[in-house]
Amino acid sequence: MFVALNLDSAEITEAQIVKGKITYLWTVLVDSKAKALKGYGELPNDIAQTLDSYIDPLLKIIDEIS
């Protein structure tokens, strides 16, 4: 197809790959916070706080990388 349409292939840099993976990780983490899990049922307050206490530092690291 590229030859037939005389197209150039795009190069993907390592930075683009890393940013894509960081974005994916951020999405997974945000969707794993206690508020986002309410659709599956209410979490007890102590479990919600414990869960968020693990996720929040990871989100901070991703924010610093970005």
C-alpha atoms as a PDB file:
ATOM      1  CA  MET A   1       0.000   0.000   0.000  1.00  0.00           C
ATOM      2  CA  PHE A   2       2.820   2.415   0.855  1.00  0.00           C
ATOM      3  CA  VAL A   3       4.536   1.766  -2.481  1.00  0.00           C
ATOM      4  CA  ALA A   4       1.322   1.945  -4.497  1.00  0.00           C
ATOM      5  CA  LEU A   5       0.316   5.257  -2.950  1.00  0.00           C
ATOM      6  CA  ASN A   6       3.869   6.596  -2.736  1.00  0.00           C
ATOM      7  CA  LEU A   7       3.640   7.134   1.028  1.00  0.00           C
ATOM      8  CA  ASP A   8       6.455   7.570   3.507  1.00  0.00           C
ATOM      9  CA  SER A   9       6.327   5.554   6.704  1.00  0.00           C
ATOM     10  CA  ALA A  10       6.337   7.500   9.947  1.00  0.00           C
ATOM     11  CA  GLU A  11       9.126   7.007  12.425  1.00  0.00           C
ATOM     12  CA  ILE A  12       8.216   6.511  16.049  1.00  0.00           C
ATOM     13  CA  THR A  13      10.691   7.830  18.587  1.00  0.00           C
ATOM     14  CA  GLU A  14      11.438   6.266  21.951  1.00  0.00           C
ATOM     15  CA  ALA A  15       9.959   9.339  23.615  1.00  0.00           C
ATOM     16  CA  GLN A  16       6.642   8.757  21.832  1.00  0.00           C
ATOM     17  CA  ILE A  17       6.603   5.123  22.950  1.00  0.00           C
ATOM     18  CA  VAL A  18       7.364   6.054  26.563  1.00  0.00           C
ATOM     19  CA  LYS A  19       4.704   8.795  26.575  1.00  0.00           C
ATOM     20  CA  GLY A  20       2.161   6.336  25.224  1.00  0.00           C
ATOM     21  CA  LYS A  21       2.956   3.799  27.936  1.00  0.00           C
ATOM     22  CA  ILE A  22       2.894   6.471  30.655  1.00  0.00           C
ATOM     23  CA  THR A  23      -0.509   7.636  29.411  1.00  0.00           C
ATOM     24  CA  TYR A  24      -1.788   4.063  29.552  1.00  0.00           C
ATOM     25  CA  LEU A  25      -0.456   3.595  33.106  1.00  0.00           C
ATOM     26  CA  TRP A  26      -2.021   6.878  34.191  1.00  0.00           C
ATOM     27  CA  THR A  27      -5.386   5.766  32.814  1.00  0.00           C
ATOM     28  CA  VAL A  28      -5.206   2.405  34.604  1.00  0.00           C
ATOM     29  CA  LEU A  29      -4.275   4.077  37.892  1.00  0.00           C
ATOM     30  CA  VAL A  30      -6.960   6.765  37.695  1.00  0.00           C
ATOM     31  CA  ASP A  31      -9.563   4.122  36.883  1.00  0.00           C
ATOM     32  CA  SER A  32      -8.386   2.093  39.899  1.00  0.00           C
ATOM     33  CA  LYS A  33      -8.990   4.826  42.462  1.00  0.00           C
ATOM     34  CA  ALA A  34     -11.815   4.250  44.950  1.00  0.00           C
ATOM     35  CA  LYS A  35     -14.096   6.873  43.366  1.00  0.00           C
ATOM     36  CA  ALA A  36     -13.765   5.272  39.944  1.00  0.00           C
ATOM     37  CA  LEU A  37     -14.620   1.841  41.325  1.00  0.00           C
ATOM     38  CA  LYS A  38     -18.002   2.948  42.721  1.00  0.00           C
ATOM     39  CA  GLY A  39     -19.677   1.471  39.651  1.00  0.00           C
ATOM     40  CA  TYR A  40     -18.743  -1.941  41.009  1.00  0.00           C
ATOM     41  CA  GLY A  41     -20.188  -1.193  44.450  1.00  0.00           C
ATOM     42  CA  GLU A  42     -19.280   0.919  47.443  1.00  0.00           C
ATOM     43  CA  LEU A  43     -15.942   0.303  49.114  1.00  0.00           C
ATOM     44  CA  PRO A  44     -15.693   0.642  52.875  1.00  0.00           C
ATOM     45  CA  ASN A  45     -13.971   3.914  53.801  1.00  0.00           C
ATOM     46  CA  ASP A  46     -10.872   2.281  55.276  1.00  0.00           C
ATOM     47  CA  ILE A  47     -10.323   0.121  52.186  1.00  0.00           C
ATOM     48  CA  ALA A  48     -10.931   3.082  49.869  1.00  0.00           C
ATOM     49  CA  GLN A  49      -8.339   5.153  51.751  1.00  0.00           C
ATOM     50  CA  THR A  50      -5.838   2.287  51.723  1.00  0.00           C
ATOM     51  CA  LEU A  51      -6.335   1.735  47.999  1.00  0.00           C
ATOM     52  CA  ASP A  52      -5.918   5.418  47.213  1.00  0.00           C
ATOM     53  CA  SER A  53      -2.838   5.608  49.464  1.00  0.00           C
ATOM     54  CA  TYR A  54      -1.131   3.111  47.147  1.00  0.00           C
ATOM     55  CA  ILE A  55      -2.315   4.722  43.917  1.00  0.00           C
ATOM     56  CA  ASP A  56      -1.717   8.416  44.718  1.00  0.00           C
ATOM     57  CA  PRO A  57       2.106   8.142  45.028  1.00  0.00           C
ATOM     58  CA  LEU A  58       2.241   6.263  41.727  1.00  0.00           C
ATOM     59  CA  LEU A  59       0.204   8.996  40.043  1.00  0.00           C
ATOM     60  CA  LYS A  60       2.594  11.574  41.507  1.00  0.00           C
ATOM     61  CA  ILE A  61       5.566   9.730  39.990  1.00  0.00           C
ATOM     62  CA  ILE A  62       3.872   9.619  36.594  1.00  0.00           C
ATOM     63  CA  ASP A  63       3.070  13.335  36.892  1.00  0.00           C
ATOM     64  CA  GLU A  64       6.750  14.061  37.615  1.00  0.00           C
ATOM     65  CA  ILE A  65       7.855  11.981  34.616  1.00  0.00           C
ATOM     66  CA  SER A  66       5.457  13.830  32.338  1.00  0.00           C
END
